[in-house]
Structures are given as C-alpha cells and as structure tokens.
C-alpha cells in the first residue's frame, strides 16, 4: 500500500467512525460460528423491497483476527427454487490495529498471484471493523468515479440465540439501501 493510500485509509477511519467505546462483556470469540436467517432489503430510490436468505460464518484468522464470510440468496416471490434467484458470496479478513478493538482489512499473500497495490482513487474500498457494546460493525468506504463517496455499514449484534443484522449503503450522505435481518446460530 502506498504512503498516500495509507494516509487516505487512516483519514477515512478517523473521519467516519469514532474510536471503540467501553469494552463490553462480549468478546470477538462470542461472534464465532455459523448463522442462518433472512433479511429484508429496501432500496429507497427505487422503492424496491426484496427478501434474502442469509448465511454468515465468522471465525478466527491467525491468532487475533477474524474471517467474515456471508452468502446472500435473493429470493423470487419468497422462493429460492425458481428461475431468477441470485446468489452472492463475499469474504473479508480483518486483523487488529495496534491491539485495539479496531480491525483493518488484511490481505492474504498468494504465492501464485502478483500482489496488487490498493488504490482508493481507482475505486478500491477501504474496509475496517470495530467491536463495541453495540455489536460488530464493519465499514467499507469507496471513492466513486465521479468523486462522490460510498459508505457501507454492516452491524451484527449478538442477541439470545443469534444475530440482529442491519446494513446501510450511503452515497454522498443519502441512504440508498437499508437491510434488516435476523439469523440464528446454526449447528
């Protein structure tokens, strides 16, 4: 990562989030496991409402980081066994920043692939996470081609036997998408 990219990532971290609050009783390992559930997607601009099946896996990465993998299956009329169903899988890895409850995206070296430099001005997102008494928060910040910014915020909060989920996609201060969901811990 170039010096400029590091400075931009740090500026985004400081401007868009506050540092973690008081340490809660929940630890990172409390979030480890597999969760399955459902979410409702609302696009504010188009008035579109969709239902998704969700599958979330949170597990350790190295000694102090974590791996977050999620699968979204966009249903058609509440069903997943008909044409038009969409499936998307995402994964991101985080390592702690200076031993705090603030985490930064980690890149895993691949001996068979050339490591590319991250370039926020070319649209590469800057991702970070924090853990506090209100849950696990994951942020993704990108600079769009036209110079606007996009901030995606995911919050996963532990409750009784699962997770409450919220997501917002904000472009230049306007909320364009909101997702609310629930997932239970799977065996």
N, C-alpha and C. Protein backbone atom coordinates (compact mmCIF):
# COMPACT_ATOMS: atom_id res chain seq x y z
N UNK A 1 0.86 -1.17 0.00
CA UNK A 1 0.00 0.00 0.00
C UNK A 1 0.90 1.23 0.00
N UNK A 2 0.65 2.17 -0.86
CA UNK A 2 1.47 3.38 -0.94
C UNK A 2 1.23 4.26 0.27
N UNK A 3 2.15 5.18 0.49
CA UNK A 3 2.02 6.11 1.61
C UNK A 3 0.72 6.91 1.49
N UNK A 4 0.39 7.36 0.28
CA UNK A 4 -0.84 8.11 0.05
C UNK A 4 -2.07 7.28 0.42
N UNK A 5 -2.09 6.01 0.00
CA UNK A 5 -3.23 5.13 0.30
C UNK A 5 -3.38 4.91 1.80
N UNK A 6 -2.24 4.73 2.50
CA UNK A 6 -2.30 4.56 3.96
C UNK A 6 -2.89 5.80 4.63
N UNK A 7 -2.45 6.96 4.17
CA UNK A 7 -2.95 8.21 4.77
C UNK A 7 -4.43 8.39 4.48
N UNK A 8 -4.88 8.05 3.26
CA UNK A 8 -6.28 8.15 2.91
C UNK A 8 -7.12 7.19 3.75
N UNK A 9 -6.63 5.97 3.92
CA UNK A 9 -7.35 4.98 4.72
C UNK A 9 -7.46 5.46 6.18
N UNK A 10 -6.39 5.98 6.74
CA UNK A 10 -6.41 6.47 8.11
C UNK A 10 -7.36 7.66 8.24
N UNK A 11 -7.35 8.56 7.26
CA UNK A 11 -8.25 9.71 7.30
C UNK A 11 -9.70 9.25 7.27
N UNK A 12 -10.01 8.27 6.43
CA UNK A 12 -11.38 7.75 6.36
C UNK A 12 -11.77 7.13 7.69
N UNK A 13 -10.87 6.38 8.30
CA UNK A 13 -11.15 5.77 9.60
C UNK A 13 -11.47 6.82 10.65
N UNK A 14 -10.67 7.86 10.72
CA UNK A 14 -10.85 8.87 11.74
C UNK A 14 -12.06 9.75 11.50
N UNK A 15 -12.37 10.03 10.24
CA UNK A 15 -13.49 10.92 9.92
C UNK A 15 -14.84 10.23 10.03
N UNK A 16 -14.90 8.96 9.71
CA UNK A 16 -16.20 8.31 9.58
C UNK A 16 -16.62 7.47 10.77
N UNK A 17 -15.73 7.21 11.70
CA UNK A 17 -16.11 6.44 12.89
C UNK A 17 -15.50 7.08 14.11
N UNK A 18 -16.08 6.73 15.23
CA UNK A 18 -15.46 7.10 16.49
C UNK A 18 -14.66 5.90 16.96
N UNK A 19 -13.73 6.14 17.83
CA UNK A 19 -12.96 5.02 18.35
C UNK A 19 -13.88 4.16 19.21
N UNK A 20 -13.54 2.88 19.35
CA UNK A 20 -14.42 1.99 20.11
C UNK A 20 -14.72 2.53 21.50
N UNK A 21 -15.96 2.29 21.93
CA UNK A 21 -16.39 2.73 23.24
C UNK A 21 -15.92 1.77 24.31
N UNK A 22 -16.55 1.82 25.47
CA UNK A 22 -16.15 0.94 26.56
C UNK A 22 -16.24 -0.52 26.15
N UNK A 23 -15.35 -1.33 26.68
CA UNK A 23 -15.33 -2.74 26.36
C UNK A 23 -16.57 -3.39 26.96
N UNK A 24 -17.28 -4.14 26.14
CA UNK A 24 -18.48 -4.82 26.62
C UNK A 24 -18.11 -6.22 27.08
N UNK A 25 -19.10 -6.92 27.61
CA UNK A 25 -18.87 -8.29 28.06
C UNK A 25 -18.66 -9.22 26.87
N UNK A 26 -19.06 -8.81 25.68
CA UNK A 26 -18.92 -9.66 24.50
C UNK A 26 -17.51 -9.56 23.96
N UNK A 27 -16.94 -10.72 23.66
CA UNK A 27 -15.62 -10.75 23.06
C UNK A 27 -15.75 -11.16 21.61
N UNK A 28 -14.68 -11.01 20.86
CA UNK A 28 -14.67 -11.40 19.46
C UNK A 28 -15.07 -12.85 19.30
N UNK A 29 -14.57 -13.72 20.17
CA UNK A 29 -14.87 -15.15 20.03
C UNK A 29 -16.35 -15.47 20.25
N UNK A 30 -17.08 -14.60 20.95
CA UNK A 30 -18.53 -14.80 21.10
C UNK A 30 -19.25 -14.78 19.75
N UNK A 31 -18.66 -14.11 18.77
CA UNK A 31 -19.26 -14.00 17.45
C UNK A 31 -18.92 -15.18 16.54
N UNK A 32 -17.94 -15.98 16.93
CA UNK A 32 -17.52 -17.07 16.07
C UNK A 32 -18.62 -18.11 15.94
N UNK A 33 -18.84 -18.56 14.71
CA UNK A 33 -19.84 -19.59 14.44
C UNK A 33 -20.52 -19.35 13.12
N UNK A 34 -21.50 -20.19 12.85
CA UNK A 34 -22.30 -20.08 11.61
C UNK A 34 -23.71 -19.64 11.99
N UNK A 35 -24.27 -18.77 11.18
CA UNK A 35 -25.61 -18.23 11.41
C UNK A 35 -26.40 -18.28 10.11
N UNK A 36 -27.68 -18.63 10.19
CA UNK A 36 -28.55 -18.63 9.01
C UNK A 36 -29.82 -17.86 9.34
N UNK A 37 -30.34 -17.17 8.32
CA UNK A 37 -31.54 -16.39 8.57
C UNK A 37 -32.10 -15.75 7.33
N UNK A 38 -32.80 -14.66 7.54
CA UNK A 38 -33.49 -13.97 6.46
C UNK A 38 -33.39 -12.47 6.68
N UNK A 39 -33.39 -11.73 5.58
CA UNK A 39 -33.30 -10.26 5.66
C UNK A 39 -34.23 -9.63 4.63
N UNK A 40 -34.64 -8.41 4.94
CA UNK A 40 -35.46 -7.62 4.01
C UNK A 40 -34.64 -6.45 3.51
N UNK A 41 -34.59 -6.30 2.19
CA UNK A 41 -33.80 -5.27 1.53
C UNK A 41 -34.75 -4.18 1.03
N UNK A 42 -34.45 -2.93 1.37
CA UNK A 42 -35.26 -1.80 0.89
C UNK A 42 -34.35 -0.81 0.19
N UNK A 43 -34.58 -0.61 -1.11
CA UNK A 43 -33.88 0.42 -1.87
C UNK A 43 -34.74 1.67 -1.84
N UNK A 44 -34.22 2.74 -1.27
CA UNK A 44 -35.02 3.95 -1.09
C UNK A 44 -35.32 4.64 -2.41
N UNK A 45 -34.36 4.66 -3.33
CA UNK A 45 -34.57 5.35 -4.59
C UNK A 45 -35.61 4.69 -5.48
N UNK A 46 -35.56 3.37 -5.57
CA UNK A 46 -36.47 2.63 -6.46
C UNK A 46 -37.71 2.13 -5.75
N UNK A 47 -37.74 2.19 -4.43
CA UNK A 47 -38.87 1.67 -3.68
C UNK A 47 -38.93 0.15 -3.71
N UNK A 48 -37.85 -0.49 -4.11
CA UNK A 48 -37.77 -1.94 -4.24
C UNK A 48 -37.64 -2.59 -2.88
N UNK A 49 -38.39 -3.67 -2.65
CA UNK A 49 -38.27 -4.47 -1.43
C UNK A 49 -38.04 -5.91 -1.86
N UNK A 50 -36.96 -6.52 -1.33
CA UNK A 50 -36.64 -7.91 -1.64
C UNK A 50 -36.43 -8.68 -0.35
N UNK A 51 -36.57 -9.98 -0.45
CA UNK A 51 -36.27 -10.86 0.67
C UNK A 51 -35.06 -11.70 0.31
N UNK A 52 -34.16 -11.87 1.28
CA UNK A 52 -32.96 -12.67 1.06
C UNK A 52 -32.80 -13.71 2.16
N UNK A 53 -32.33 -14.88 1.76
CA UNK A 53 -31.81 -15.83 2.73
C UNK A 53 -30.36 -15.44 2.97
N UNK A 54 -29.92 -15.51 4.20
CA UNK A 54 -28.55 -15.11 4.52
C UNK A 54 -27.86 -16.23 5.28
N UNK A 55 -26.58 -16.35 5.07
CA UNK A 55 -25.74 -17.35 5.71
C UNK A 55 -24.44 -16.63 6.07
N UNK A 56 -24.10 -16.62 7.35
CA UNK A 56 -22.93 -15.87 7.83
C UNK A 56 -22.02 -16.82 8.60
N UNK A 57 -20.73 -16.75 8.29
CA UNK A 57 -19.74 -17.51 9.05
C UNK A 57 -18.69 -16.52 9.57
N UNK A 58 -18.45 -16.57 10.87
CA UNK A 58 -17.44 -15.73 11.49
C UNK A 58 -16.49 -16.66 12.24
N UNK A 59 -15.21 -16.54 11.92
CA UNK A 59 -14.26 -17.42 12.55
C UNK A 59 -12.91 -16.75 12.72
N UNK A 60 -12.00 -17.44 13.41
CA UNK A 60 -10.69 -16.85 13.68
C UNK A 60 -9.83 -16.75 12.43
N UNK A 61 -8.95 -15.76 12.43
CA UNK A 61 -7.90 -15.62 11.42
C UNK A 61 -6.61 -15.35 12.16
N UNK A 62 -5.65 -16.21 11.91
CA UNK A 62 -4.40 -16.18 12.67
C UNK A 62 -4.75 -16.18 14.15
N UNK A 63 -4.03 -15.47 14.98
CA UNK A 63 -4.32 -15.57 16.42
C UNK A 63 -5.29 -14.53 16.93
N UNK A 64 -5.33 -13.35 16.31
CA UNK A 64 -6.11 -12.27 16.90
C UNK A 64 -7.10 -11.62 15.94
N UNK A 65 -7.14 -12.09 14.70
CA UNK A 65 -8.04 -11.51 13.72
C UNK A 65 -9.28 -12.37 13.52
N UNK A 66 -10.07 -12.01 12.51
CA UNK A 66 -11.25 -12.82 12.19
C UNK A 66 -11.54 -12.79 10.70
N UNK A 67 -12.22 -13.84 10.28
CA UNK A 67 -12.65 -14.00 8.89
C UNK A 67 -14.17 -13.93 8.89
N UNK A 68 -14.71 -13.13 8.00
CA UNK A 68 -16.16 -12.95 7.88
C UNK A 68 -16.57 -13.34 6.47
N UNK A 69 -17.43 -14.33 6.37
CA UNK A 69 -17.90 -14.81 5.07
C UNK A 69 -19.43 -14.81 5.11
N UNK A 70 -20.04 -14.23 4.07
CA UNK A 70 -21.50 -14.22 4.04
C UNK A 70 -22.00 -14.52 2.64
N UNK A 71 -23.15 -15.19 2.62
CA UNK A 71 -23.80 -15.57 1.37
C UNK A 71 -25.21 -14.99 1.40
N UNK A 72 -25.57 -14.29 0.33
CA UNK A 72 -26.92 -13.76 0.16
C UNK A 72 -27.58 -14.48 -0.99
N UNK A 73 -28.80 -14.95 -0.77
CA UNK A 73 -29.59 -15.56 -1.83
C UNK A 73 -30.85 -14.71 -1.96
N UNK A 74 -30.94 -13.95 -3.07
CA UNK A 74 -32.10 -13.09 -3.30
C UNK A 74 -33.23 -13.95 -3.85
N UNK A 75 -34.32 -13.98 -3.13
CA UNK A 75 -35.45 -14.85 -3.45
C UNK A 75 -36.35 -14.23 -4.51
N UNK A 76 -37.11 -15.07 -5.19
CA UNK A 76 -38.11 -14.62 -6.16
C UNK A 76 -39.46 -15.03 -5.59
N UNK A 77 -40.29 -14.04 -5.28
CA UNK A 77 -41.60 -14.28 -4.66
C UNK A 77 -41.48 -15.18 -3.42
N UNK A 78 -40.42 -14.94 -2.63
CA UNK A 78 -40.23 -15.69 -1.40
C UNK A 78 -39.68 -17.09 -1.60
N UNK A 79 -39.29 -17.44 -2.82
CA UNK A 79 -38.81 -18.79 -3.11
C UNK A 79 -37.39 -18.75 -3.66
N UNK A 80 -36.66 -19.85 -3.42
CA UNK A 80 -35.31 -19.96 -3.94
C UNK A 80 -35.17 -21.09 -4.94
N UNK A 81 -36.27 -21.74 -5.28
CA UNK A 81 -36.23 -22.87 -6.21
C UNK A 81 -36.88 -22.54 -7.55
N UNK A 82 -36.78 -21.26 -7.96
CA UNK A 82 -37.37 -20.83 -9.23
C UNK A 82 -36.33 -19.99 -9.99
N UNK A 83 -36.50 -19.88 -11.32
CA UNK A 83 -35.55 -19.05 -12.09
C UNK A 83 -35.55 -17.60 -11.60
N UNK A 84 -34.39 -16.96 -11.71
CA UNK A 84 -34.24 -15.57 -11.31
C UNK A 84 -33.60 -15.37 -9.95
N UNK A 85 -33.41 -16.46 -9.20
CA UNK A 85 -32.76 -16.37 -7.89
C UNK A 85 -31.30 -15.98 -8.10
N UNK A 86 -30.81 -15.06 -7.25
CA UNK A 86 -29.42 -14.62 -7.33
C UNK A 86 -28.69 -15.03 -6.06
N UNK A 87 -27.45 -15.50 -6.23
CA UNK A 87 -26.61 -15.91 -5.10
C UNK A 87 -25.29 -15.16 -5.17
N UNK A 88 -24.89 -14.58 -4.03
CA UNK A 88 -23.62 -13.84 -3.98
C UNK A 88 -22.88 -14.20 -2.69
N UNK A 89 -21.59 -14.49 -2.83
CA UNK A 89 -20.75 -14.85 -1.70
C UNK A 89 -19.65 -13.80 -1.55
N UNK A 90 -19.43 -13.35 -0.33
CA UNK A 90 -18.37 -12.37 -0.03
C UNK A 90 -17.57 -12.86 1.17
N UNK A 91 -16.31 -12.44 1.18
CA UNK A 91 -15.45 -12.79 2.31
C UNK A 91 -14.45 -11.67 2.52
N UNK A 92 -14.19 -11.37 3.79
CA UNK A 92 -13.19 -10.37 4.13
C UNK A 92 -12.49 -10.82 5.41
N UNK A 93 -11.22 -10.49 5.52
CA UNK A 93 -10.41 -10.89 6.66
C UNK A 93 -9.92 -9.63 7.36
N UNK A 94 -9.97 -9.63 8.68
CA UNK A 94 -9.55 -8.48 9.46
C UNK A 94 -8.51 -8.88 10.50
N UNK A 95 -7.57 -7.96 10.74
CA UNK A 95 -6.58 -8.12 11.79
C UNK A 95 -6.66 -6.90 12.69
N UNK A 96 -6.35 -7.07 13.99
CA UNK A 96 -6.46 -5.93 14.90
C UNK A 96 -5.43 -4.85 14.59
N UNK A 97 -5.83 -3.62 14.84
CA UNK A 97 -4.94 -2.47 14.67
C UNK A 97 -4.34 -2.14 16.03
N UNK A 98 -3.07 -2.31 16.18
CA UNK A 98 -2.35 -1.97 17.42
C UNK A 98 -2.98 -2.57 18.67
N UNK A 99 -3.49 -3.80 18.57
CA UNK A 99 -4.02 -4.48 19.74
C UNK A 99 -5.34 -3.95 20.26
N UNK A 100 -6.00 -3.08 19.51
CA UNK A 100 -7.25 -2.50 19.98
C UNK A 100 -8.44 -3.31 19.47
N UNK A 101 -9.63 -2.81 19.72
CA UNK A 101 -10.85 -3.44 19.21
C UNK A 101 -11.24 -2.85 17.86
N UNK A 102 -10.26 -2.22 17.23
CA UNK A 102 -10.39 -1.71 15.87
C UNK A 102 -9.59 -2.65 14.97
N UNK A 103 -10.20 -3.08 13.87
CA UNK A 103 -9.59 -4.05 12.97
C UNK A 103 -9.50 -3.45 11.57
N UNK A 104 -8.47 -3.82 10.82
CA UNK A 104 -8.32 -3.37 9.44
C UNK A 104 -8.30 -4.59 8.53
N UNK A 105 -8.74 -4.39 7.30
CA UNK A 105 -8.76 -5.49 6.34
C UNK A 105 -7.34 -5.98 6.10
N UNK A 106 -7.20 -7.28 6.08
CA UNK A 106 -5.90 -7.90 5.84
C UNK A 106 -5.91 -8.52 4.45
N UNK A 107 -4.78 -8.46 3.79
CA UNK A 107 -4.67 -9.15 2.51
C UNK A 107 -3.83 -10.39 2.75
N UNK A 108 -4.30 -11.48 2.21
CA UNK A 108 -3.60 -12.75 2.37
C UNK A 108 -2.70 -12.94 1.17
N UNK A 109 -1.43 -13.16 1.43
CA UNK A 109 -0.45 -13.34 0.35
C UNK A 109 -0.71 -14.66 -0.37
N UNK A 110 -0.62 -14.60 -1.68
CA UNK A 110 -0.77 -15.78 -2.52
C UNK A 110 0.51 -15.90 -3.34
N UNK A 111 1.23 -16.98 -3.14
CA UNK A 111 2.50 -17.16 -3.83
C UNK A 111 2.34 -17.24 -5.35
N UNK A 112 1.16 -17.57 -5.82
CA UNK A 112 0.94 -17.77 -7.25
C UNK A 112 0.25 -16.59 -7.92
N UNK A 113 0.07 -15.52 -7.19
CA UNK A 113 -0.61 -14.35 -7.74
C UNK A 113 0.17 -13.10 -7.36
N UNK A 114 0.32 -12.21 -8.32
CA UNK A 114 1.01 -10.95 -8.07
C UNK A 114 0.16 -10.08 -7.15
N UNK A 115 0.78 -9.55 -6.11
CA UNK A 115 0.07 -8.70 -5.15
C UNK A 115 -0.14 -7.33 -5.77
N UNK A 116 -1.39 -6.90 -5.85
CA UNK A 116 -1.71 -5.60 -6.44
C UNK A 116 -1.80 -4.55 -5.35
N UNK A 117 -1.39 -3.36 -5.66
CA UNK A 117 -1.46 -2.21 -4.76
C UNK A 117 -2.93 -1.76 -4.67
N UNK A 118 -3.39 -1.52 -3.44
CA UNK A 118 -4.74 -0.98 -3.27
C UNK A 118 -4.75 0.47 -3.72
N UNK A 119 -5.79 0.86 -4.45
CA UNK A 119 -5.88 2.23 -4.94
C UNK A 119 -7.28 2.80 -4.69
N UNK A 120 -7.48 3.47 -3.54
CA UNK A 120 -8.80 4.04 -3.25
C UNK A 120 -9.30 5.01 -4.32
N UNK A 121 -8.39 5.75 -4.98
CA UNK A 121 -8.84 6.69 -6.01
C UNK A 121 -9.25 5.97 -7.29
N UNK A 122 -8.96 4.68 -7.39
CA UNK A 122 -9.41 3.88 -8.53
C UNK A 122 -10.64 3.07 -8.15
N UNK A 123 -11.23 3.34 -6.97
CA UNK A 123 -12.46 2.66 -6.57
C UNK A 123 -12.27 1.50 -5.61
N UNK A 124 -11.02 1.16 -5.26
CA UNK A 124 -10.81 0.08 -4.30
C UNK A 124 -11.33 0.51 -2.93
N UNK A 125 -12.15 -0.32 -2.29
CA UNK A 125 -12.69 0.07 -0.99
C UNK A 125 -11.67 -0.07 0.13
N UNK A 126 -11.80 0.80 1.12
CA UNK A 126 -11.05 0.72 2.36
C UNK A 126 -12.01 0.12 3.38
N UNK A 127 -11.61 -0.99 4.01
CA UNK A 127 -12.52 -1.68 4.94
C UNK A 127 -11.89 -1.77 6.33
N UNK A 128 -12.73 -1.61 7.35
CA UNK A 128 -12.30 -1.76 8.72
C UNK A 128 -13.49 -2.21 9.56
N UNK A 129 -13.21 -2.65 10.76
CA UNK A 129 -14.25 -3.14 11.66
C UNK A 129 -13.94 -2.70 13.07
N UNK A 130 -14.98 -2.64 13.89
CA UNK A 130 -14.78 -2.38 15.31
C UNK A 130 -15.79 -3.20 16.09
N UNK A 131 -15.41 -3.52 17.29
CA UNK A 131 -16.25 -4.30 18.19
C UNK A 131 -16.51 -3.44 19.41
N UNK A 132 -17.79 -3.24 19.74
CA UNK A 132 -18.13 -2.48 20.93
C UNK A 132 -19.38 -3.06 21.57
N UNK A 133 -19.91 -2.39 22.56
CA UNK A 133 -21.08 -2.91 23.28
C UNK A 133 -22.32 -3.01 22.41
N UNK A 134 -22.34 -2.36 21.26
CA UNK A 134 -23.49 -2.42 20.35
C UNK A 134 -23.32 -3.43 19.23
N UNK A 135 -22.21 -4.14 19.19
CA UNK A 135 -22.05 -5.18 18.19
C UNK A 135 -20.75 -5.13 17.43
N UNK A 136 -20.72 -5.90 16.36
CA UNK A 136 -19.59 -5.94 15.44
C UNK A 136 -19.98 -5.08 14.25
N UNK A 137 -19.21 -4.03 14.01
CA UNK A 137 -19.51 -3.09 12.93
C UNK A 137 -18.43 -3.21 11.87
N UNK A 138 -18.85 -3.35 10.62
CA UNK A 138 -17.91 -3.45 9.50
C UNK A 138 -18.24 -2.30 8.55
N UNK A 139 -17.19 -1.56 8.15
CA UNK A 139 -17.35 -0.41 7.28
C UNK A 139 -16.58 -0.63 5.99
N UNK A 140 -17.15 -0.13 4.90
CA UNK A 140 -16.48 -0.17 3.60
C UNK A 140 -16.66 1.21 2.97
N UNK A 141 -15.53 1.87 2.70
CA UNK A 141 -15.55 3.23 2.15
C UNK A 141 -14.90 3.21 0.78
N UNK A 142 -15.57 3.82 -0.22
CA UNK A 142 -15.02 3.87 -1.58
C UNK A 142 -15.25 5.25 -2.16
N UNK A 143 -14.30 5.67 -2.99
CA UNK A 143 -14.44 6.90 -3.76
C UNK A 143 -14.92 6.49 -5.15
N UNK A 144 -16.06 7.03 -5.56
CA UNK A 144 -16.65 6.66 -6.85
C UNK A 144 -16.00 7.44 -7.99
N UNK A 145 -16.24 6.98 -9.20
CA UNK A 145 -15.62 7.60 -10.40
C UNK A 145 -15.90 9.09 -10.50
N UNK A 146 -17.10 9.51 -10.09
CA UNK A 146 -17.47 10.92 -10.20
C UNK A 146 -17.02 11.76 -9.00
N UNK A 147 -16.26 11.13 -8.08
CA UNK A 147 -15.74 11.85 -6.92
C UNK A 147 -16.63 11.78 -5.69
N UNK A 148 -17.83 11.24 -5.83
CA UNK A 148 -18.68 11.05 -4.66
C UNK A 148 -18.11 9.91 -3.83
N UNK A 149 -18.59 9.79 -2.59
CA UNK A 149 -18.15 8.68 -1.76
C UNK A 149 -19.30 7.73 -1.51
N UNK A 150 -18.94 6.48 -1.23
CA UNK A 150 -19.92 5.47 -0.82
C UNK A 150 -19.44 4.86 0.48
N UNK A 151 -20.31 4.82 1.47
CA UNK A 151 -20.01 4.20 2.75
C UNK A 151 -21.05 3.12 3.00
N UNK A 152 -20.58 1.90 3.20
CA UNK A 152 -21.46 0.79 3.57
C UNK A 152 -21.16 0.45 5.03
N UNK A 153 -22.21 0.31 5.81
CA UNK A 153 -22.07 0.00 7.23
C UNK A 153 -22.88 -1.25 7.55
N UNK A 154 -22.21 -2.27 8.07
CA UNK A 154 -22.86 -3.51 8.49
C UNK A 154 -22.74 -3.60 10.01
N UNK A 155 -23.84 -3.88 10.69
CA UNK A 155 -23.78 -4.12 12.12
C UNK A 155 -24.40 -5.48 12.40
N UNK A 156 -23.66 -6.30 13.12
CA UNK A 156 -24.13 -7.60 13.55
C UNK A 156 -24.10 -7.58 15.08
N UNK A 157 -25.28 -7.72 15.68
CA UNK A 157 -25.37 -7.63 17.13
C UNK A 157 -25.85 -8.96 17.70
N UNK A 158 -25.10 -9.49 18.67
CA UNK A 158 -25.49 -10.75 19.30
C UNK A 158 -26.74 -10.54 20.14
N UNK A 159 -27.70 -11.43 19.98
CA UNK A 159 -28.91 -11.47 20.79
C UNK A 159 -29.21 -12.93 21.09
N UNK A 160 -29.92 -13.19 22.18
CA UNK A 160 -30.24 -14.54 22.64
C UNK A 160 -29.58 -15.67 21.85
N UNK A 161 -30.22 -16.15 20.79
CA UNK A 161 -29.70 -17.32 20.07
C UNK A 161 -29.22 -16.99 18.66
N UNK A 162 -28.87 -15.73 18.41
CA UNK A 162 -28.43 -15.39 17.06
C UNK A 162 -27.90 -13.99 16.93
N UNK A 163 -28.13 -13.43 15.73
CA UNK A 163 -27.65 -12.09 15.39
C UNK A 163 -28.78 -11.25 14.83
N UNK A 164 -28.82 -9.99 15.22
CA UNK A 164 -29.64 -9.00 14.52
C UNK A 164 -28.71 -8.31 13.54
N UNK A 165 -29.19 -8.06 12.33
CA UNK A 165 -28.36 -7.50 11.28
C UNK A 165 -28.96 -6.22 10.74
N UNK A 166 -28.10 -5.23 10.54
CA UNK A 166 -28.51 -4.02 9.83
C UNK A 166 -27.40 -3.63 8.86
N UNK A 167 -27.80 -3.07 7.74
CA UNK A 167 -26.87 -2.63 6.72
C UNK A 167 -27.41 -1.34 6.14
N UNK A 168 -26.51 -0.40 5.86
CA UNK A 168 -26.89 0.82 5.13
C UNK A 168 -25.84 1.10 4.07
N UNK A 169 -26.34 1.49 2.91
CA UNK A 169 -25.46 1.96 1.82
C UNK A 169 -25.78 3.44 1.64
N UNK A 170 -24.76 4.27 1.87
CA UNK A 170 -24.91 5.72 1.80
C UNK A 170 -24.00 6.25 0.69
N UNK A 171 -24.56 7.05 -0.22
CA UNK A 171 -23.77 7.71 -1.25
C UNK A 171 -23.93 9.20 -1.06
N UNK A 172 -22.80 9.86 -0.81
CA UNK A 172 -22.75 11.31 -0.55
C UNK A 172 -23.83 11.76 0.44
N UNK A 173 -23.96 11.02 1.54
CA UNK A 173 -24.86 11.40 2.61
C UNK A 173 -26.29 10.92 2.47
N UNK A 174 -26.66 10.31 1.36
CA UNK A 174 -28.03 9.85 1.14
C UNK A 174 -28.09 8.32 1.28
N UNK A 175 -29.00 7.85 2.15
CA UNK A 175 -29.18 6.41 2.33
C UNK A 175 -29.92 5.86 1.12
N UNK A 176 -29.26 4.98 0.36
CA UNK A 176 -29.87 4.40 -0.84
C UNK A 176 -30.39 2.99 -0.61
N UNK A 177 -29.85 2.29 0.38
CA UNK A 177 -30.29 0.92 0.64
C UNK A 177 -30.20 0.65 2.13
N UNK A 178 -31.19 -0.07 2.63
CA UNK A 178 -31.20 -0.50 4.03
C UNK A 178 -31.62 -1.96 4.07
N UNK A 179 -30.91 -2.73 4.87
CA UNK A 179 -31.24 -4.15 5.04
C UNK A 179 -31.37 -4.41 6.54
N UNK A 180 -32.44 -5.07 6.92
CA UNK A 180 -32.64 -5.50 8.29
C UNK A 180 -32.89 -7.00 8.28
N UNK A 181 -32.27 -7.72 9.21
CA UNK A 181 -32.44 -9.16 9.22
C UNK A 181 -32.18 -9.79 10.56
N UNK A 182 -32.34 -11.08 10.58
CA UNK A 182 -32.16 -11.89 11.77
C UNK A 182 -31.56 -13.22 11.36
N UNK A 183 -30.63 -13.71 12.13
CA UNK A 183 -30.04 -15.02 11.86
C UNK A 183 -29.87 -15.77 13.18
N UNK A 184 -30.12 -17.06 13.15
CA UNK A 184 -29.93 -17.89 14.33
C UNK A 184 -28.62 -18.67 14.19
N UNK A 185 -28.07 -19.03 15.32
CA UNK A 185 -26.83 -19.81 15.32
C UNK A 185 -27.15 -21.21 14.79
N UNK A 186 -26.37 -21.65 13.83
CA UNK A 186 -26.58 -22.97 13.22
C UNK A 186 -25.59 -23.96 13.82
N UNK A 187 -26.01 -25.20 13.90
CA UNK A 187 -25.13 -26.27 14.43
C UNK A 187 -24.17 -26.74 13.38
